[in-house]
Amino acid sequence: MADLRGIVLAIELATKQRDICQAKLAVAQRTEHQDQDQLSQLQAYARDKDTRWLQAGATVFSGELVKHHYQFMDRLQQAMAQQSGVIQSSRMAVEKVAAALLESEIRLAGLKEVLQLRLRAKETLQKRREQKETDEFASQQYARKRAEYERGENL
């Protein structure tokens, strides 16, 4: 097993790397979800303000109040556009981490396959050695029996 220590160590390191990638993916997904929730809140707030403004339409507003409302709604639209950009960045981060996770899982699977191949090769070699020993023992036993038989015949 000493000759397999290197591959076992590589598997342990690859497993840790995969686990780190999984944790990073979970964080990135949570961040994306929170960013999306924030956009949803902004959109709901904007709809609520528009609804209230339209319901109050029968009321006479001063020009300054109308101007203030439109400026506020414009800034709210800017905030939603900015939040959409944040969401896009979050999505890209999730995709990047997901790709890294996939790479780490492929690497880990490859290392595990190498370990299995080496174990099978070691097992095959051990079986061949055992078979060789068995064959040698049988050959020696046959030679002894033959020698005994020949001695018995020659007597």
C-alpha atoms as a PDB file:
ATOM      1  CA  MET A   1       0.000   0.000   0.000  1.00  0.00           C
ATOM      2  CA  ALA A   2       3.030   2.255   0.392  1.00  0.00           C
ATOM      3  CA  ASP A   3       3.257   2.628  -3.381  1.00  0.00           C
ATOM      4  CA  LEU A   4      -0.329   3.935  -3.446  1.00  0.00           C
ATOM      5  CA  ARG A   5       0.230   6.632  -0.824  1.00  0.00           C
ATOM      6  CA  GLY A   6       0.758   9.308  -3.473  1.00  0.00           C
ATOM      7  CA  ILE A   7      -2.491   8.651  -5.277  1.00  0.00           C
ATOM      8  CA  VAL A   8      -4.407   8.384  -1.980  1.00  0.00           C
ATOM      9  CA  LEU A   9      -2.959  11.748  -0.914  1.00  0.00           C
ATOM     10  CA  ALA A  10      -3.918  13.242  -4.289  1.00  0.00           C
ATOM     11  CA  ILE A  11      -7.473  11.932  -3.810  1.00  0.00           C
ATOM     12  CA  GLU A  12      -7.661  13.482  -0.343  1.00  0.00           C
ATOM     13  CA  LEU A  13      -6.487  16.839  -1.687  1.00  0.00           C
ATOM     14  CA  ALA A  14      -8.867  16.650  -4.654  1.00  0.00           C
ATOM     15  CA  THR A  15     -11.727  15.805  -2.276  1.00  0.00           C
ATOM     16  CA  LYS A  16     -10.913  18.848  -0.136  1.00  0.00           C
ATOM     17  CA  GLN A  17     -10.755  21.023  -3.252  1.00  0.00           C
ATOM     18  CA  ARG A  18     -14.115  19.686  -4.417  1.00  0.00           C
ATOM     19  CA  ASP A  19     -15.632  20.374  -0.992  1.00  0.00           C
ATOM     20  CA  ILE A  20     -14.282  23.939  -1.085  1.00  0.00           C
ATOM     21  CA  CYS A  21     -15.815  24.420  -4.532  1.00  0.00           C
ATOM     22  CA  GLN A  22     -19.152  23.085  -3.280  1.00  0.00           C
ATOM     23  CA  ALA A  23     -19.095  25.550  -0.388  1.00  0.00           C
ATOM     24  CA  LYS A  24     -18.201  28.431  -2.719  1.00  0.00           C
ATOM     25  CA  LEU A  25     -21.025  27.440  -5.058  1.00  0.00           C
ATOM     26  CA  ALA A  26     -23.508  27.440  -2.184  1.00  0.00           C
ATOM     27  CA  VAL A  27     -22.370  30.938  -1.161  1.00  0.00           C
ATOM     28  CA  ALA A  28     -22.527  32.217  -4.746  1.00  0.00           C
ATOM     29  CA  GLN A  29     -26.025  30.769  -5.214  1.00  0.00           C
ATOM     30  CA  ARG A  30     -27.188  32.317  -1.946  1.00  0.00           C
ATOM     31  CA  THR A  31     -25.777  35.673  -3.022  1.00  0.00           C
ATOM     32  CA  GLU A  32     -27.514  35.452  -6.400  1.00  0.00           C
ATOM     33  CA  HIS A  33     -30.791  34.571  -4.674  1.00  0.00           C
ATOM     34  CA  GLN A  34     -30.435  37.512  -2.273  1.00  0.00           C
ATOM     35  CA  ASP A  35     -29.658  39.850  -5.170  1.00  0.00           C
ATOM     36  CA  GLN A  36     -32.744  38.603  -7.011  1.00  0.00           C
ATOM     37  CA  ASP A  37     -34.846  39.078  -3.864  1.00  0.00           C
ATOM     38  CA  GLN A  38     -33.597  42.639  -3.567  1.00  0.00           C
ATOM     39  CA  LEU A  39     -34.599  43.360  -7.172  1.00  0.00           C
ATOM     40  CA  SER A  40     -38.022  41.846  -6.509  1.00  0.00           C
ATOM     41  CA  GLN A  41     -38.423  44.116  -3.495  1.00  0.00           C
ATOM     42  CA  LEU A  42     -37.467  47.169  -5.557  1.00  0.00           C
ATOM     43  CA  GLN A  43     -39.923  46.173  -8.287  1.00  0.00           C
ATOM     44  CA  ALA A  44     -42.714  45.600  -5.754  1.00  0.00           C
ATOM     45  CA  TYR A  45     -41.978  48.978  -4.169  1.00  0.00           C
ATOM     46  CA  ALA A  46     -42.070  50.698  -7.579  1.00  0.00           C
ATOM     47  CA  ARG A  47     -45.391  49.021  -8.443  1.00  0.00           C
ATOM     48  CA  ASP A  48     -46.807  50.072  -5.075  1.00  0.00           C
ATOM     49  CA  LYS A  49     -45.717  53.686  -5.603  1.00  0.00           C
ATOM     50  CA  ASP A  50     -47.191  53.727  -9.121  1.00  0.00           C
ATOM     51  CA  THR A  51     -50.447  52.237  -7.849  1.00  0.00           C
ATOM     52  CA  ARG A  52     -50.707  54.819  -5.067  1.00  0.00           C
ATOM     53  CA  TRP A  53     -49.894  57.622  -7.489  1.00  0.00           C
ATOM     54  CA  LEU A  54     -52.587  56.471  -9.906  1.00  0.00           C
ATOM     55  CA  GLN A  55     -55.138  56.050  -7.099  1.00  0.00           C
ATOM     56  CA  ALA A  56     -54.421  59.578  -5.961  1.00  0.00           C
ATOM     57  CA  GLY A  57     -54.896  60.822  -9.528  1.00  0.00           C
ATOM     58  CA  ALA A  58     -58.103  62.632  -8.670  1.00  0.00           C
ATOM     59  CA  THR A  59     -56.176  64.734  -6.185  1.00  0.00           C
ATOM     60  CA  VAL A  60     -54.598  67.897  -7.469  1.00  0.00           C
ATOM     61  CA  PHE A  61     -50.832  67.890  -7.063  1.00  0.00           C
ATOM     62  CA  SER A  62     -48.486  70.787  -7.309  1.00  0.00           C
ATOM     63  CA  GLY A  63     -45.979  70.836 -10.135  1.00  0.00           C
ATOM     64  CA  GLU A  64     -43.176  70.451  -7.616  1.00  0.00           C
ATOM     65  CA  LEU A  65     -44.745  67.303  -6.154  1.00  0.00           C
ATOM     66  CA  VAL A  66     -45.226  65.774  -9.622  1.00  0.00           C
ATOM     67  CA  LYS A  67     -41.622  66.598 -10.499  1.00  0.00           C
ATOM     68  CA  HIS A  68     -40.440  65.048  -7.225  1.00  0.00           C
ATOM     69  CA  HIS A  69     -42.465  61.893  -7.902  1.00  0.00           C
ATOM     70  CA  TYR A  70     -41.026  61.435 -11.395  1.00  0.00           C
ATOM     71  CA  GLN A  71     -37.479  62.064 -10.143  1.00  0.00           C
ATOM     72  CA  PHE A  72     -37.993  59.529  -7.394  1.00  0.00           C
ATOM     73  CA  MET A  73     -39.393  56.938  -9.820  1.00  0.00           C
ATOM     74  CA  ASP A  74     -36.498  57.606 -12.206  1.00  0.00           C
ATOM     75  CA  ARG A  75     -34.009  56.948  -9.421  1.00  0.00           C
ATOM     76  CA  LEU A  76     -35.904  53.830  -8.460  1.00  0.00           C
ATOM     77  CA  GLN A  77     -35.688  52.632 -12.091  1.00  0.00           C
ATOM     78  CA  GLN A  78     -31.940  53.343 -12.032  1.00  0.00           C
ATOM     79  CA  ALA A  79     -31.608  51.316  -8.825  1.00  0.00           C
ATOM     80  CA  MET A  80     -33.476  48.412 -10.443  1.00  0.00           C
ATOM     81  CA  ALA A  81     -31.228  48.597 -13.517  1.00  0.00           C
ATOM     82  CA  GLN A  82     -28.168  48.636 -11.289  1.00  0.00           C
ATOM     83  CA  GLN A  83     -29.516  45.670  -9.327  1.00  0.00           C
ATOM     84  CA  SER A  84     -30.067  43.800 -12.599  1.00  0.00           C
ATOM     85  CA  GLY A  85     -26.364  44.310 -13.298  1.00  0.00           C
ATOM     86  CA  VAL A  86     -25.522  42.995  -9.846  1.00  0.00           C
ATOM     87  CA  ILE A  87     -27.658  39.919 -10.551  1.00  0.00           C
ATOM     88  CA  GLN A  88     -25.871  39.379 -13.859  1.00  0.00           C
ATOM     89  CA  SER A  89     -22.523  39.508 -12.031  1.00  0.00           C
ATOM     90  CA  SER A  90     -23.842  37.084  -9.434  1.00  0.00           C
ATOM     91  CA  ARG A  91     -24.969  34.687 -12.166  1.00  0.00           C
ATOM     92  CA  MET A  92     -21.555  34.850 -13.802  1.00  0.00           C
ATOM     93  CA  ALA A  93     -19.934  34.112 -10.432  1.00  0.00           C
ATOM     94  CA  VAL A  94     -22.234  31.102  -9.952  1.00  0.00           C
ATOM     95  CA  GLU A  95     -21.382  29.825 -13.435  1.00  0.00           C
ATOM     96  CA  LYS A  96     -17.649  30.269 -12.815  1.00  0.00           C
ATOM     97  CA  VAL A  97     -17.761  28.439  -9.485  1.00  0.00           C
ATOM     98  CA  ALA A  98     -20.010  25.716 -10.938  1.00  0.00           C
ATOM     99  CA  ALA A  99     -17.466  25.181 -13.721  1.00  0.00           C
ATOM    100  CA  ALA A 100     -14.666  24.949 -11.140  1.00  0.00           C
ATOM    101  CA  LEU A 101     -16.736  22.447  -9.163  1.00  0.00           C
ATOM    102  CA  LEU A 102     -17.293  20.348 -12.271  1.00  0.00           C
ATOM    103  CA  GLU A 103     -13.563  20.377 -13.021  1.00  0.00           C
ATOM    104  CA  SER A 104     -12.750  19.339  -9.458  1.00  0.00           C
ATOM    105  CA  GLU A 105     -15.303  16.516  -9.593  1.00  0.00           C
ATOM    106  CA  ILE A 106     -13.865  15.286 -12.900  1.00  0.00           C
ATOM    107  CA  ARG A 107     -10.347  15.399 -11.447  1.00  0.00           C
ATOM    108  CA  LEU A 108     -11.459  13.513  -8.343  1.00  0.00           C
ATOM    109  CA  ALA A 109     -13.245  10.872 -10.423  1.00  0.00           C
ATOM    110  CA  GLY A 110     -10.131  10.479 -12.570  1.00  0.00           C
ATOM    111  CA  LEU A 111      -7.905  10.031  -9.539  1.00  0.00           C
ATOM    112  CA  LYS A 112     -10.278   7.466  -8.080  1.00  0.00           C
ATOM    113  CA  GLU A 113     -10.235   5.598 -11.380  1.00  0.00           C
ATOM    114  CA  VAL A 114      -6.418   5.629 -11.376  1.00  0.00           C
ATOM    115  CA  LEU A 115      -6.464   4.230  -7.835  1.00  0.00           C
ATOM    116  CA  GLN A 116      -8.853   1.461  -8.902  1.00  0.00           C
ATOM    117  CA  LEU A 117      -6.668   0.625 -11.897  1.00  0.00           C
ATOM    118  CA  ARG A 118      -3.575   0.446  -9.707  1.00  0.00           C
ATOM    119  CA  LEU A 119      -5.355  -1.698  -7.137  1.00  0.00           C
ATOM    120  CA  ARG A 120      -6.525  -4.074  -9.859  1.00  0.00           C
ATOM    121  CA  ALA A 121      -3.017  -4.201 -11.323  1.00  0.00           C
ATOM    122  CA  LYS A 122      -1.597  -4.921  -7.886  1.00  0.00           C
ATOM    123  CA  GLU A 123      -4.203  -7.625  -7.322  1.00  0.00           C
ATOM    124  CA  THR A 124      -3.445  -9.171 -10.724  1.00  0.00           C
ATOM    125  CA  LEU A 125       0.271  -9.153  -9.952  1.00  0.00           C
ATOM    126  CA  GLN A 126      -0.374 -10.775  -6.575  1.00  0.00           C
ATOM    127  CA  LYS A 127      -2.534 -13.463  -8.207  1.00  0.00           C
ATOM    128  CA  ARG A 128       0.207 -14.146 -10.761  1.00  0.00           C
ATOM    129  CA  ARG A 129       2.789 -14.494  -7.981  1.00  0.00           C
ATOM    130  CA  GLU A 130       0.544 -16.870  -6.090  1.00  0.00           C
ATOM    131  CA  GLN A 131      -0.109 -18.859  -9.260  1.00  0.00           C
ATOM    132  CA  LYS A 132       3.627 -19.004  -9.973  1.00  0.00           C
ATOM    133  CA  GLU A 133       4.305 -20.244  -6.440  1.00  0.00           C
ATOM    134  CA  THR A 134       1.554 -22.841  -6.799  1.00  0.00           C
ATOM    135  CA  ASP A 135       2.915 -23.930 -10.162  1.00  0.00           C
ATOM    136  CA  GLU A 136       6.454 -24.152  -8.774  1.00  0.00           C
ATOM    137  CA  PHE A 137       5.252 -26.143  -5.775  1.00  0.00           C
ATOM    138  CA  ALA A 138       3.290 -28.511  -8.037  1.00  0.00           C
ATOM    139  CA  SER A 139       6.273 -28.851 -10.350  1.00  0.00           C
ATOM    140  CA  GLN A 140       8.605 -29.632  -7.449  1.00  0.00           C
ATOM    141  CA  GLN A 141       6.122 -32.099  -6.010  1.00  0.00           C
ATOM    142  CA  TYR A 142       5.782 -33.770  -9.399  1.00  0.00           C
ATOM    143  CA  ALA A 143       9.574 -33.923  -9.760  1.00  0.00           C
ATOM    144  CA  ARG A 144       9.867 -35.505  -6.282  1.00  0.00           C
ATOM    145  CA  LYS A 145       7.143 -38.043  -7.028  1.00  0.00           C
ATOM    146  CA  ARG A 146       8.711 -38.858 -10.367  1.00  0.00           C
ATOM    147  CA  ALA A 147      12.136 -39.214  -8.766  1.00  0.00           C
ATOM    148  CA  GLU A 148      10.653 -41.473  -6.090  1.00  0.00           C
ATOM    149  CA  TYR A 149       8.905 -43.502  -8.734  1.00  0.00           C
ATOM    150  CA  GLU A 150      12.033 -43.793 -10.819  1.00  0.00           C
ATOM    151  CA  ARG A 151      14.061 -44.814  -7.781  1.00  0.00           C
ATOM    152  CA  GLY A 152      11.419 -47.372  -6.932  1.00  0.00           C
ATOM    153  CA  GLU A 153      11.580 -48.738 -10.467  1.00  0.00           C
ATOM    154  CA  ASN A 154      15.337 -48.797 -10.507  1.00  0.00           C
ATOM    155  CA  LEU A 155      15.538 -50.772  -7.264  1.00  0.00           C
END
